[in-house]
Amino acid sequence: MTRSQGRLIDLSHTIEHAMVTYPGLPAPVIGDWLSRAASSTRYAPGTTFQIGKIELVANTGTYIDAPSHRYEHGKDVADFPLAAVADLEGVVVRATERDGRALDSGVFRGRDVNGKAVLVHTGWDVHWRTERYGTGHPFLTRAAAEHLVAAGAALVGIDSLNIDDASDGARPAHTLLLGAGIPIVEHLCGLGDLPDAGFRFFAVPVKVRGMGSFPVRAFAIADS
């Protein structure tokens, strides 16, 4: 099967050495396992290689949550079939003009989200890598999560620090969405570059066992 080229739109933050994604979590450490200078002694003159190494927590940059992030016996990121995280029909729900931080079910009413990747555009990504990003972020209410589950959303993403209110230890959005097997993608960016509909969404993690969350290269292919 062939697909028209479409327009590729990157929706992921770049992961860099020592950057902070979520306040309180350790920053990634990126460096060399084998440097070019060291490799020059192993190969022919003029031939060098670099082998990098990275130490990071799974919740770094733009990442996806699997059910095991919330539930002890839930499926992990290696269990995602490609159909759950790739080539999904997408819709953007605009929430850049809002009253307060809480995004309730009314934000989603009237939108057909059944079987689709629902991406919530709050504009919070403008604060990425600033102190502002870590406090006062917009989030989904329990009622909003209940609505998305009942409406059959396939995946829910947000360009914010957390899909839940960070001060709510019950984490209702994570609890309800992951409990229903719906992947969550947090720390998206660039959602303003997407049309409201007419695009396919991709957020594929490395197929690693034992992880409830993992960074992704999230992107979309728009029809025009």
N, C-alpha and C. Protein backbone atom coordinates (compact mmCIF):
# COMPACT_ATOMS: atom_id res chain seq x y z
N MET A 1 0.85 -1.18 0.00
CA MET A 1 0.00 0.00 0.00
C MET A 1 0.89 1.23 0.00
N THR A 2 0.56 2.22 -0.79
CA THR A 2 1.32 3.46 -0.84
C THR A 2 0.52 4.57 -0.17
N ARG A 3 1.23 5.51 0.43
CA ARG A 3 0.60 6.64 1.10
C ARG A 3 1.15 7.92 0.50
N SER A 4 0.28 8.91 0.30
CA SER A 4 0.76 10.21 -0.15
C SER A 4 1.69 10.78 0.91
N GLN A 5 2.64 11.60 0.49
CA GLN A 5 3.70 12.04 1.38
C GLN A 5 3.16 12.79 2.60
N GLY A 6 2.29 13.76 2.39
CA GLY A 6 1.79 14.55 3.50
C GLY A 6 2.88 15.42 4.10
N ARG A 7 2.56 16.08 5.19
CA ARG A 7 3.47 17.01 5.86
C ARG A 7 3.86 16.44 7.21
N LEU A 8 5.14 16.25 7.44
CA LEU A 8 5.64 15.71 8.70
C LEU A 8 5.79 16.84 9.72
N ILE A 9 5.23 16.62 10.92
CA ILE A 9 5.26 17.63 11.97
C ILE A 9 5.82 17.00 13.24
N ASP A 10 6.95 17.49 13.70
CA ASP A 10 7.59 16.97 14.90
C ASP A 10 6.88 17.53 16.13
N LEU A 11 6.53 16.64 17.06
CA LEU A 11 5.78 17.03 18.26
C LEU A 11 6.55 16.68 19.54
N SER A 12 7.87 16.49 19.42
CA SER A 12 8.70 16.02 20.53
C SER A 12 9.72 17.06 20.96
N HIS A 13 9.96 17.11 22.26
CA HIS A 13 11.07 17.90 22.79
C HIS A 13 12.39 17.14 22.58
N THR A 14 13.46 17.88 22.39
CA THR A 14 14.79 17.29 22.29
C THR A 14 15.31 16.95 23.69
N ILE A 15 15.85 15.75 23.85
CA ILE A 15 16.47 15.36 25.12
C ILE A 15 17.94 15.77 25.09
N GLU A 16 18.34 16.55 26.10
CA GLU A 16 19.70 17.06 26.18
C GLU A 16 20.30 16.75 27.55
N HIS A 17 21.61 16.70 27.59
CA HIS A 17 22.33 16.46 28.83
C HIS A 17 21.92 17.47 29.89
N ALA A 18 21.60 16.97 31.09
CA ALA A 18 21.34 17.78 32.29
C ALA A 18 20.03 18.55 32.26
N MET A 19 19.18 18.31 31.27
CA MET A 19 17.91 19.06 31.21
C MET A 19 16.92 18.48 32.22
N VAL A 20 15.99 19.32 32.67
CA VAL A 20 14.95 18.90 33.60
C VAL A 20 13.63 18.76 32.83
N THR A 21 13.00 17.60 32.96
CA THR A 21 11.67 17.40 32.39
C THR A 21 10.62 17.67 33.46
N TYR A 22 10.74 17.01 34.58
CA TYR A 22 9.77 17.09 35.68
C TYR A 22 10.53 17.43 36.94
N PRO A 23 10.20 18.53 37.60
CA PRO A 23 10.95 18.91 38.81
C PRO A 23 11.01 17.77 39.83
N GLY A 24 12.20 17.50 40.32
CA GLY A 24 12.40 16.45 41.30
C GLY A 24 12.91 15.16 40.73
N LEU A 25 12.78 14.96 39.42
CA LEU A 25 13.32 13.77 38.77
C LEU A 25 14.73 14.07 38.26
N PRO A 26 15.64 13.09 38.31
CA PRO A 26 17.01 13.35 37.87
C PRO A 26 17.09 13.65 36.38
N ALA A 27 18.01 14.52 36.04
CA ALA A 27 18.23 14.89 34.65
C ALA A 27 19.05 13.82 33.94
N PRO A 28 18.91 13.71 32.62
CA PRO A 28 19.70 12.71 31.89
C PRO A 28 21.18 13.06 31.88
N VAL A 29 22.00 12.02 31.88
CA VAL A 29 23.45 12.17 31.76
C VAL A 29 23.85 11.54 30.43
N ILE A 30 24.33 12.35 29.52
CA ILE A 30 24.65 11.90 28.17
C ILE A 30 26.15 12.10 27.93
N GLY A 31 26.80 11.08 27.43
CA GLY A 31 28.23 11.17 27.17
C GLY A 31 28.71 10.05 26.28
N ASP A 32 30.00 9.79 26.33
CA ASP A 32 30.62 8.76 25.49
C ASP A 32 30.89 7.50 26.30
N TRP A 33 30.61 6.36 25.72
CA TRP A 33 31.18 5.11 26.21
C TRP A 33 32.52 4.89 25.52
N LEU A 34 32.52 5.19 24.20
CA LEU A 34 33.76 5.17 23.43
C LEU A 34 33.84 6.50 22.68
N SER A 35 34.85 7.30 23.01
CA SER A 35 35.01 8.59 22.34
C SER A 35 35.74 8.40 21.01
N ARG A 36 35.66 9.41 20.17
CA ARG A 36 36.38 9.33 18.89
C ARG A 36 37.90 9.27 19.11
N ALA A 37 38.36 10.04 20.08
CA ALA A 37 39.80 10.02 20.36
C ALA A 37 40.24 8.62 20.80
N ALA A 38 39.47 8.00 21.69
CA ALA A 38 39.82 6.67 22.15
C ALA A 38 39.69 5.64 21.04
N SER A 39 38.71 5.82 20.17
CA SER A 39 38.50 4.83 19.11
C SER A 39 39.60 4.86 18.06
N SER A 40 40.33 5.96 17.99
CA SER A 40 41.37 6.08 16.96
C SER A 40 42.49 5.06 17.14
N THR A 41 42.60 4.51 18.38
CA THR A 41 43.63 3.50 18.62
C THR A 41 43.17 2.10 18.21
N ARG A 42 41.88 1.95 17.88
CA ARG A 42 41.32 0.63 17.59
C ARG A 42 41.17 0.35 16.09
N TYR A 43 41.23 1.41 15.29
CA TYR A 43 40.93 1.26 13.87
C TYR A 43 42.06 1.82 13.02
N ALA A 44 41.89 1.72 11.74
CA ALA A 44 42.91 2.21 10.81
C ALA A 44 43.04 3.73 10.92
N PRO A 45 44.17 4.28 10.56
CA PRO A 45 44.35 5.73 10.62
C PRO A 45 43.23 6.47 9.88
N GLY A 46 42.68 7.48 10.54
CA GLY A 46 41.60 8.25 9.93
C GLY A 46 40.22 7.66 10.10
N THR A 47 40.13 6.49 10.72
CA THR A 47 38.83 5.83 10.94
C THR A 47 38.49 5.90 12.42
N THR A 48 37.40 6.61 12.75
CA THR A 48 36.98 6.73 14.14
C THR A 48 35.48 6.47 14.26
N PHE A 49 35.08 6.09 15.47
CA PHE A 49 33.68 5.88 15.78
C PHE A 49 33.38 6.48 17.15
N GLN A 50 32.12 6.78 17.38
CA GLN A 50 31.66 7.20 18.70
C GLN A 50 30.53 6.28 19.12
N ILE A 51 30.61 5.76 20.34
CA ILE A 51 29.51 5.00 20.93
C ILE A 51 29.08 5.76 22.18
N GLY A 52 27.86 6.25 22.15
CA GLY A 52 27.38 7.07 23.24
C GLY A 52 26.74 6.23 24.34
N LYS A 53 26.54 6.86 25.48
CA LYS A 53 25.78 6.23 26.56
C LYS A 53 24.91 7.30 27.19
N ILE A 54 23.77 6.86 27.72
CA ILE A 54 22.83 7.78 28.33
C ILE A 54 22.22 7.13 29.56
N GLU A 55 22.14 7.88 30.63
CA GLU A 55 21.46 7.43 31.84
C GLU A 55 20.29 8.37 32.07
N LEU A 56 19.08 7.83 32.09
CA LEU A 56 17.92 8.69 32.28
C LEU A 56 16.79 7.91 32.94
N VAL A 57 15.90 8.64 33.60
CA VAL A 57 14.67 8.03 34.07
C VAL A 57 13.72 7.94 32.88
N ALA A 58 12.79 7.00 32.96
CA ALA A 58 11.91 6.77 31.82
C ALA A 58 11.05 7.98 31.49
N ASN A 59 10.73 8.79 32.50
CA ASN A 59 9.89 9.97 32.29
C ASN A 59 10.77 11.17 31.96
N THR A 60 11.35 11.13 30.77
CA THR A 60 12.25 12.19 30.30
C THR A 60 11.80 12.65 28.92
N GLY A 61 11.77 13.95 28.72
CA GLY A 61 11.37 14.48 27.42
C GLY A 61 9.90 14.20 27.15
N THR A 62 9.59 13.96 25.90
CA THR A 62 8.24 13.57 25.50
C THR A 62 8.15 12.06 25.64
N TYR A 63 7.20 11.57 26.46
CA TYR A 63 7.18 10.13 26.72
C TYR A 63 5.76 9.61 26.76
N ILE A 64 5.68 8.29 26.67
CA ILE A 64 4.38 7.60 26.69
C ILE A 64 4.26 6.79 27.97
N ASP A 65 3.06 6.74 28.50
CA ASP A 65 2.76 5.91 29.67
C ASP A 65 1.96 4.69 29.25
N ALA A 66 2.37 3.54 29.74
CA ALA A 66 1.64 2.29 29.55
C ALA A 66 0.91 1.95 30.86
N PRO A 67 -0.03 1.01 30.83
CA PRO A 67 -0.77 0.67 32.05
C PRO A 67 0.11 0.33 33.25
N SER A 68 1.29 -0.28 33.05
CA SER A 68 2.11 -0.66 34.19
C SER A 68 2.74 0.54 34.89
N HIS A 69 2.68 1.70 34.27
CA HIS A 69 3.12 2.92 34.95
C HIS A 69 2.26 3.16 36.19
N ARG A 70 0.99 2.79 36.10
CA ARG A 70 0.05 3.01 37.21
C ARG A 70 -0.31 1.72 37.94
N TYR A 71 -0.34 0.61 37.21
CA TYR A 71 -0.85 -0.65 37.77
C TYR A 71 0.25 -1.71 37.81
N GLU A 72 0.42 -2.32 38.95
CA GLU A 72 1.52 -3.27 39.17
C GLU A 72 1.54 -4.38 38.13
N HIS A 73 0.39 -4.90 37.76
CA HIS A 73 0.35 -6.01 36.81
C HIS A 73 -0.13 -5.57 35.42
N GLY A 74 -0.07 -4.27 35.16
CA GLY A 74 -0.47 -3.77 33.85
C GLY A 74 0.58 -4.05 32.78
N LYS A 75 0.18 -3.91 31.54
CA LYS A 75 1.11 -4.13 30.43
C LYS A 75 2.12 -2.99 30.36
N ASP A 76 3.36 -3.33 29.92
CA ASP A 76 4.40 -2.32 29.83
C ASP A 76 4.55 -1.84 28.38
N VAL A 77 5.55 -0.98 28.14
CA VAL A 77 5.67 -0.38 26.80
C VAL A 77 6.00 -1.42 25.73
N ALA A 78 6.65 -2.51 26.11
CA ALA A 78 6.96 -3.55 25.13
C ALA A 78 5.70 -4.28 24.67
N ASP A 79 4.64 -4.17 25.45
CA ASP A 79 3.39 -4.85 25.10
C ASP A 79 2.54 -4.05 24.12
N PHE A 80 2.87 -2.79 23.88
CA PHE A 80 2.08 -2.01 22.94
C PHE A 80 2.15 -2.62 21.55
N PRO A 81 1.05 -3.01 20.94
CA PRO A 81 1.09 -3.33 19.52
C PRO A 81 1.30 -2.04 18.74
N LEU A 82 1.92 -2.12 17.58
CA LEU A 82 2.16 -0.90 16.81
C LEU A 82 0.86 -0.17 16.50
N ALA A 83 -0.21 -0.91 16.33
CA ALA A 83 -1.49 -0.29 16.00
C ALA A 83 -1.99 0.62 17.13
N ALA A 84 -1.46 0.46 18.34
CA ALA A 84 -1.91 1.28 19.47
C ALA A 84 -1.15 2.59 19.57
N VAL A 85 0.01 2.69 18.90
CA VAL A 85 0.87 3.86 19.07
C VAL A 85 1.34 4.48 17.77
N ALA A 86 0.92 3.92 16.64
CA ALA A 86 1.39 4.40 15.34
C ALA A 86 0.25 4.48 14.34
N ASP A 87 0.32 5.50 13.48
CA ASP A 87 -0.62 5.66 12.38
C ASP A 87 -2.06 5.78 12.86
N LEU A 88 -2.24 6.49 13.98
CA LEU A 88 -3.58 6.70 14.53
C LEU A 88 -4.20 7.96 13.92
N GLU A 89 -5.46 7.88 13.59
CA GLU A 89 -6.17 9.10 13.20
C GLU A 89 -6.20 10.04 14.40
N GLY A 90 -5.87 11.30 14.18
CA GLY A 90 -5.75 12.22 15.29
C GLY A 90 -6.71 13.39 15.23
N VAL A 91 -7.01 13.93 16.41
CA VAL A 91 -7.77 15.17 16.54
C VAL A 91 -7.10 16.03 17.59
N VAL A 92 -7.10 17.33 17.39
CA VAL A 92 -6.57 18.27 18.37
C VAL A 92 -7.73 18.99 19.03
N VAL A 93 -7.71 19.02 20.36
CA VAL A 93 -8.69 19.76 21.13
C VAL A 93 -7.99 21.01 21.67
N ARG A 94 -8.45 22.16 21.24
CA ARG A 94 -7.80 23.42 21.62
C ARG A 94 -8.26 23.87 23.01
N ALA A 95 -7.28 24.12 23.88
CA ALA A 95 -7.59 24.60 25.21
C ALA A 95 -6.61 25.71 25.61
N THR A 96 -6.21 26.50 24.63
CA THR A 96 -5.27 27.58 24.89
C THR A 96 -5.96 28.78 25.52
N GLU A 97 -7.25 28.93 25.27
CA GLU A 97 -8.03 29.99 25.90
C GLU A 97 -8.97 29.32 26.90
N ARG A 98 -8.65 29.40 28.16
CA ARG A 98 -9.35 28.63 29.18
C ARG A 98 -9.52 29.45 30.44
N ASP A 99 -10.49 29.10 31.21
CA ASP A 99 -10.70 29.70 32.51
C ASP A 99 -10.13 28.77 33.57
N GLY A 100 -8.98 29.10 34.08
CA GLY A 100 -8.35 28.26 35.09
C GLY A 100 -7.55 27.12 34.48
N ARG A 101 -7.06 26.26 35.36
CA ARG A 101 -6.16 25.19 34.96
C ARG A 101 -6.89 23.91 34.59
N ALA A 102 -8.03 23.65 35.22
CA ALA A 102 -8.74 22.38 35.08
C ALA A 102 -9.50 22.33 33.76
N LEU A 103 -9.25 21.29 32.97
CA LEU A 103 -9.95 21.07 31.70
C LEU A 103 -10.99 19.99 31.92
N ASP A 104 -12.24 20.37 31.90
CA ASP A 104 -13.32 19.46 32.25
C ASP A 104 -13.89 18.78 31.01
N SER A 105 -14.87 17.94 31.22
CA SER A 105 -15.42 17.13 30.13
C SER A 105 -16.03 17.99 29.02
N GLY A 106 -16.50 19.19 29.36
CA GLY A 106 -17.10 20.04 28.35
C GLY A 106 -16.15 20.41 27.23
N VAL A 107 -14.84 20.38 27.50
CA VAL A 107 -13.83 20.68 26.47
C VAL A 107 -13.91 19.68 25.33
N PHE A 108 -14.36 18.46 25.63
CA PHE A 108 -14.33 17.38 24.64
C PHE A 108 -15.71 17.06 24.06
N ARG A 109 -16.75 17.60 24.66
CA ARG A 109 -18.10 17.27 24.18
C ARG A 109 -18.31 17.79 22.77
N GLY A 110 -18.99 16.99 21.97
CA GLY A 110 -19.24 17.36 20.59
C GLY A 110 -18.13 16.98 19.64
N ARG A 111 -17.06 16.40 20.16
CA ARG A 111 -15.94 15.96 19.31
C ARG A 111 -15.98 14.45 19.19
N ASP A 112 -15.82 13.97 17.96
CA ASP A 112 -15.75 12.53 17.72
C ASP A 112 -14.34 12.06 18.01
N VAL A 113 -14.16 11.37 19.13
CA VAL A 113 -12.83 10.91 19.52
C VAL A 113 -12.71 9.39 19.46
N ASN A 114 -13.74 8.72 19.05
CA ASN A 114 -13.75 7.25 19.05
C ASN A 114 -12.64 6.69 18.16
N GLY A 115 -11.75 5.90 18.77
CA GLY A 115 -10.68 5.27 18.02
C GLY A 115 -9.57 6.21 17.59
N LYS A 116 -9.53 7.41 18.17
CA LYS A 116 -8.57 8.42 17.71
C LYS A 116 -7.57 8.81 18.80
N ALA A 117 -6.44 9.34 18.35
CA ALA A 117 -5.48 9.97 19.25
C ALA A 117 -5.99 11.38 19.53
N VAL A 118 -6.28 11.65 20.78
CA VAL A 118 -6.82 12.95 21.18
C VAL A 118 -5.69 13.77 21.80
N LEU A 119 -5.30 14.84 21.14
CA LEU A 119 -4.17 15.65 21.58
C LEU A 119 -4.69 16.97 22.11
N VAL A 120 -4.40 17.25 23.38
CA VAL A 120 -4.92 18.43 24.05
C VAL A 120 -3.89 19.55 23.95
N HIS A 121 -4.25 20.60 23.23
CA HIS A 121 -3.36 21.72 22.97
C HIS A 121 -3.61 22.82 23.99
N THR A 122 -2.73 22.91 24.99
CA THR A 122 -2.87 23.94 26.02
C THR A 122 -1.91 25.11 25.80
N GLY A 123 -0.87 24.91 24.99
CA GLY A 123 0.14 25.93 24.79
C GLY A 123 1.17 26.01 25.90
N TRP A 124 1.09 25.07 26.86
CA TRP A 124 2.01 25.11 28.00
C TRP A 124 3.46 24.83 27.60
N ASP A 125 3.66 24.24 26.44
CA ASP A 125 5.02 23.93 25.99
C ASP A 125 5.87 25.18 25.78
N VAL A 126 5.24 26.34 25.70
CA VAL A 126 6.01 27.58 25.56
C VAL A 126 6.91 27.80 26.78
N HIS A 127 6.56 27.17 27.91
CA HIS A 127 7.34 27.33 29.14
C HIS A 127 8.41 26.25 29.31
N TRP A 128 8.57 25.37 28.34
CA TRP A 128 9.50 24.26 28.44
C TRP A 128 10.89 24.73 28.86
N ARG A 129 11.47 24.04 29.84
CA ARG A 129 12.81 24.30 30.37
C ARG A 129 12.92 25.65 31.07
N THR A 130 11.79 26.09 31.62
CA THR A 130 11.79 27.24 32.52
C THR A 130 11.16 26.80 33.84
N GLU A 131 11.35 27.58 34.89
CA GLU A 131 10.73 27.26 36.18
C GLU A 131 9.21 27.29 36.08
N ARG A 132 8.68 28.11 35.20
CA ARG A 132 7.24 28.22 35.05
C ARG A 132 6.62 26.90 34.60
N TYR A 133 7.34 26.13 33.80
CA TYR A 133 6.79 24.89 33.26
C TYR A 133 6.38 23.93 34.37
N GLY A 134 7.09 23.96 35.49
CA GLY A 134 6.88 22.98 36.55
C GLY A 134 5.78 23.31 37.54
N THR A 135 5.14 24.46 37.41
CA THR A 135 4.10 24.82 38.37
C THR A 135 2.88 25.41 37.65
N GLY A 136 1.71 25.11 38.17
CA GLY A 136 0.49 25.73 37.66
C GLY A 136 0.05 25.28 36.30
N HIS A 137 0.39 24.06 35.91
CA HIS A 137 0.09 23.58 34.56
C HIS A 137 -1.39 23.20 34.42
N PRO A 138 -1.93 23.27 33.18
CA PRO A 138 -3.29 22.77 32.93
C PRO A 138 -3.33 21.24 32.97
N PHE A 139 -4.50 20.70 33.31
CA PHE A 139 -4.64 19.25 33.47
C PHE A 139 -6.08 18.84 33.19
N LEU A 140 -6.30 17.54 33.04
CA LEU A 140 -7.65 17.01 32.83
C LEU A 140 -8.28 16.63 34.16
N THR A 141 -9.56 16.90 34.30
CA THR A 141 -10.29 16.50 35.49
C THR A 141 -10.70 15.03 35.39
N ARG A 142 -11.14 14.51 36.51
CA ARG A 142 -11.66 13.14 36.52
C ARG A 142 -12.82 13.01 35.53
N ALA A 143 -13.70 13.98 35.49
CA ALA A 143 -14.85 13.92 34.57
C ALA A 143 -14.40 13.91 33.12
N ALA A 144 -13.35 14.66 32.80
CA ALA A 144 -12.83 14.67 31.44
C ALA A 144 -12.28 13.30 31.07
N ALA A 145 -11.53 12.69 31.99
CA ALA A 145 -10.98 11.35 31.73
C ALA A 145 -12.10 10.33 31.57
N GLU A 146 -13.12 10.43 32.42
CA GLU A 146 -14.27 9.52 32.30
C GLU A 146 -14.94 9.67 30.94
N HIS A 147 -15.07 10.90 30.48
CA HIS A 147 -15.69 11.15 29.18
C HIS A 147 -14.86 10.52 28.06
N LEU A 148 -13.55 10.68 28.10
CA LEU A 148 -12.69 10.15 27.04
C LEU A 148 -12.70 8.62 27.02
N VAL A 149 -12.74 8.02 28.19
CA VAL A 149 -12.84 6.56 28.25
C VAL A 149 -14.16 6.10 27.65
N ALA A 150 -15.26 6.72 28.07
CA ALA A 150 -16.58 6.33 27.58
C ALA A 150 -16.74 6.59 26.09
N ALA A 151 -16.06 7.62 25.58
CA ALA A 151 -16.17 7.98 24.17
C ALA A 151 -15.26 7.16 23.27
N GLY A 152 -14.41 6.33 23.88
CA GLY A 152 -13.59 5.41 23.09
C GLY A 152 -12.32 5.97 22.52
N ALA A 153 -11.71 6.96 23.19
CA ALA A 153 -10.44 7.49 22.72
C ALA A 153 -9.39 6.38 22.67
N ALA A 154 -8.53 6.40 21.64
CA ALA A 154 -7.50 5.37 21.49
C ALA A 154 -6.21 5.74 22.21
N LEU A 155 -5.95 7.03 22.36
CA LEU A 155 -4.73 7.55 22.99
C LEU A 155 -5.05 8.98 23.38
N VAL A 156 -4.46 9.46 24.47
CA VAL A 156 -4.64 10.85 24.88
C VAL A 156 -3.27 11.47 25.14
N GLY A 157 -3.03 12.62 24.54
CA GLY A 157 -1.78 13.32 24.73
C GLY A 157 -2.02 14.75 25.16
N ILE A 158 -1.00 15.35 25.79
CA ILE A 158 -1.12 16.74 26.25
C ILE A 158 0.26 17.40 26.21
N ASP A 159 0.29 18.70 25.94
CA ASP A 159 1.55 19.44 25.87
C ASP A 159 1.81 20.16 27.20
N SER A 160 1.66 19.43 28.29
CA SER A 160 1.73 19.99 29.63
C SER A 160 2.62 19.12 30.50
N LEU A 161 2.91 19.61 31.70
CA LEU A 161 3.77 18.88 32.64
C LEU A 161 3.19 17.53 33.02
N ASN A 162 1.85 17.47 33.17
CA ASN A 162 1.21 16.25 33.63
C ASN A 162 -0.25 16.29 33.20
N ILE A 163 -0.79 15.16 32.80
CA ILE A 163 -2.19 15.12 32.42
C ILE A 163 -3.09 15.25 33.64
N ASP A 164 -2.54 15.01 34.83
CA ASP A 164 -3.23 15.20 36.10
C ASP A 164 -2.74 16.46 36.79
N ASP A 165 -3.52 16.93 37.74
CA ASP A 165 -3.07 17.96 38.65
C ASP A 165 -1.97 17.35 39.52
N ALA A 166 -0.77 17.91 39.48
CA ALA A 166 0.36 17.33 40.20
C ALA A 166 0.14 17.32 41.71
N SER A 167 -0.79 18.13 42.20
CA SER A 167 -1.05 18.16 43.63
C SER A 167 -2.07 17.12 44.07
N ASP A 168 -2.65 16.41 43.11
CA ASP A 168 -3.67 15.40 43.41
C ASP A 168 -3.02 14.01 43.41
N GLY A 169 -2.79 13.49 44.61
CA GLY A 169 -2.10 12.20 44.72
C GLY A 169 -2.89 11.03 44.17
N ALA A 170 -4.18 11.20 43.94
CA ALA A 170 -4.99 10.10 43.40
C ALA A 170 -4.77 9.91 41.91
N ARG A 171 -4.26 10.94 41.22
CA ARG A 171 -3.98 10.88 39.79
C ARG A 171 -5.16 10.26 39.00
N PRO A 172 -6.34 10.90 39.02
CA PRO A 172 -7.51 10.29 38.40
C PRO A 172 -7.40 10.08 36.89
N ALA A 173 -6.77 11.01 36.17
CA ALA A 173 -6.67 10.83 34.71
C ALA A 173 -5.79 9.63 34.37
N HIS A 174 -4.63 9.52 35.02
CA HIS A 174 -3.79 8.34 34.81
C HIS A 174 -4.55 7.06 35.20
N THR A 175 -5.21 7.12 36.34
CA THR A 175 -5.89 5.93 36.85
C THR A 175 -6.97 5.45 35.87
N LEU A 176 -7.78 6.36 35.39
CA LEU A 176 -8.89 5.97 34.51
C LEU A 176 -8.42 5.61 33.10
N LEU A 177 -7.57 6.44 32.52
CA LEU A 177 -7.13 6.18 31.14
C LEU A 177 -6.29 4.91 31.06
N LEU A 178 -5.28 4.79 31.92
CA LEU A 178 -4.42 3.61 31.86
C LEU A 178 -5.19 2.37 32.31
N GLY A 179 -6.14 2.55 33.21
CA GLY A 179 -6.98 1.42 33.62
C GLY A 179 -7.82 0.89 32.47
N ALA A 180 -8.13 1.76 31.52
CA ALA A 180 -8.88 1.35 30.33
C ALA A 180 -7.96 0.93 29.18
N GLY A 181 -6.64 0.91 29.44
CA GLY A 181 -5.68 0.52 28.40
C GLY A 181 -5.40 1.60 27.38
N ILE A 182 -5.69 2.86 27.73
CA ILE A 182 -5.49 3.97 26.80
C ILE A 182 -4.12 4.60 27.07
N PRO A 183 -3.20 4.58 26.12
CA PRO A 183 -1.88 5.19 26.33
C PRO A 183 -2.01 6.70 26.55
N ILE A 184 -1.08 7.22 27.35
CA ILE A 184 -1.00 8.65 27.61
C ILE A 184 0.36 9.15 27.12
N VAL A 185 0.37 10.27 26.40
CA VAL A 185 1.62 10.90 25.98
C VAL A 185 1.66 12.29 26.61
N GLU A 186 2.72 12.55 27.38
CA GLU A 186 2.87 13.84 28.05
C GLU A 186 4.07 14.59 27.51
N HIS A 187 4.09 15.90 27.75
CA HIS A 187 5.17 16.79 27.32
C HIS A 187 5.27 16.84 25.79
N LEU A 188 4.14 16.85 25.12
CA LEU A 188 4.16 17.10 23.68
C LEU A 188 4.51 18.57 23.44
N CYS A 189 4.80 18.89 22.20
CA CYS A 189 5.04 20.29 21.83
C CYS A 189 4.62 20.49 20.37
N GLY A 190 4.47 21.74 19.99
CA GLY A 190 4.17 22.05 18.61
C GLY A 190 2.77 21.72 18.15
N LEU A 191 1.84 21.51 19.07
CA LEU A 191 0.48 21.14 18.66
C LEU A 191 -0.22 22.27 17.90
N GLY A 192 0.27 23.48 18.07
CA GLY A 192 -0.28 24.60 17.31
C GLY A 192 -0.01 24.49 15.82
N ASP A 193 0.96 23.65 15.44
CA ASP A 193 1.27 23.47 14.02
C ASP A 193 0.37 22.43 13.35
N LEU A 194 -0.44 21.74 14.16
CA LEU A 194 -1.32 20.71 13.62
C LEU A 194 -2.68 21.29 13.24
N PRO A 195 -3.31 20.72 12.22
CA PRO A 195 -4.72 21.06 11.98
C PRO A 195 -5.58 20.40 13.05
N ASP A 196 -6.83 20.82 13.16
CA ASP A 196 -7.72 20.22 14.15
C ASP A 196 -7.96 18.74 13.89
N ALA A 197 -7.91 18.35 12.62
CA ALA A 197 -8.10 16.96 12.21
C ALA A 197 -7.39 16.77 10.88
N GLY A 198 -7.49 15.56 10.32
CA GLY A 198 -6.83 15.31 9.03
C GLY A 198 -5.35 15.02 9.16
N PHE A 199 -4.96 14.30 10.22
CA PHE A 199 -3.57 13.90 10.36
C PHE A 199 -3.50 12.54 11.03
N ARG A 200 -2.34 11.90 10.90
CA ARG A 200 -2.07 10.62 11.56
C ARG A 200 -0.99 10.86 12.61
N PHE A 201 -1.14 10.21 13.77
CA PHE A 201 -0.26 10.45 14.90
C PHE A 201 0.57 9.21 15.22
N PHE A 202 1.82 9.43 15.61
CA PHE A 202 2.77 8.36 15.94
C PHE A 202 3.49 8.72 17.24
N ALA A 203 3.59 7.77 18.16
CA ALA A 203 4.34 7.96 19.42
C ALA A 203 4.86 6.59 19.84
N VAL A 204 5.91 6.13 19.19
CA VAL A 204 6.39 4.76 19.34
C VAL A 204 7.60 4.71 20.27
N PRO A 205 7.50 4.00 21.39
CA PRO A 205 8.65 3.85 22.27
C PRO A 205 9.54 2.68 21.83
N VAL A 206 10.76 2.66 22.34
CA VAL A 206 11.61 1.48 22.15
C VAL A 206 10.93 0.29 22.82
N LYS A 207 11.05 -0.88 22.21
CA LYS A 207 10.37 -2.08 22.70
C LYS A 207 11.18 -2.70 23.83
N VAL A 208 11.13 -2.03 25.00
CA VAL A 208 11.94 -2.46 26.14
C VAL A 208 11.02 -3.02 27.22
N ARG A 209 11.40 -4.15 27.77
CA ARG A 209 10.59 -4.83 28.76
C ARG A 209 10.81 -4.23 30.15
N GLY A 210 9.74 -4.15 30.92
CA GLY A 210 9.85 -3.73 32.30
C GLY A 210 9.73 -2.24 32.53
N MET A 211 9.29 -1.49 31.51
CA MET A 211 9.14 -0.04 31.64
C MET A 211 7.67 0.34 31.49
N GLY A 212 7.17 1.14 32.43
CA GLY A 212 5.80 1.63 32.33
C GLY A 212 5.70 2.93 31.58
N SER A 213 6.84 3.60 31.39
CA SER A 213 6.92 4.83 30.61
C SER A 213 8.21 4.77 29.80
N PHE A 214 8.24 5.53 28.70
CA PHE A 214 9.49 5.59 27.93
C PHE A 214 9.41 6.76 26.94
N PRO A 215 10.55 7.43 26.69
CA PRO A 215 10.55 8.51 25.70
C PRO A 215 10.13 8.02 24.32
N VAL A 216 9.51 8.93 23.56
CA VAL A 216 9.08 8.65 22.19
C VAL A 216 9.51 9.79 21.29
N ARG A 217 9.58 9.51 20.01
CA ARG A 217 9.66 10.57 19.00
C ARG A 217 8.25 10.73 18.44
N ALA A 218 7.48 11.61 19.06
CA ALA A 218 6.10 11.82 18.63
C ALA A 218 6.08 12.72 17.40
N PHE A 219 5.27 12.36 16.43
CA PHE A 219 5.14 13.19 15.22
C PHE A 219 3.81 12.90 14.56
N ALA A 220 3.48 13.75 13.61
CA ALA A 220 2.24 13.58 12.87
C ALA A 220 2.52 13.73 11.39
N ILE A 221 1.66 13.11 10.59
CA ILE A 221 1.64 13.31 9.15
C ILE A 221 0.30 13.95 8.82
N ALA A 222 0.35 15.22 8.38
CA ALA A 222 -0.86 15.94 8.06
C ALA A 222 -1.15 15.85 6.58
N ASP A 223 -2.43 15.87 6.24
CA ASP A 223 -2.84 15.76 4.84
C ASP A 223 -2.35 16.92 4.01
N SER A 224 -2.26 18.09 4.63
CA SER A 224 -1.80 19.25 3.87
C SER A 224 -1.11 20.24 4.79
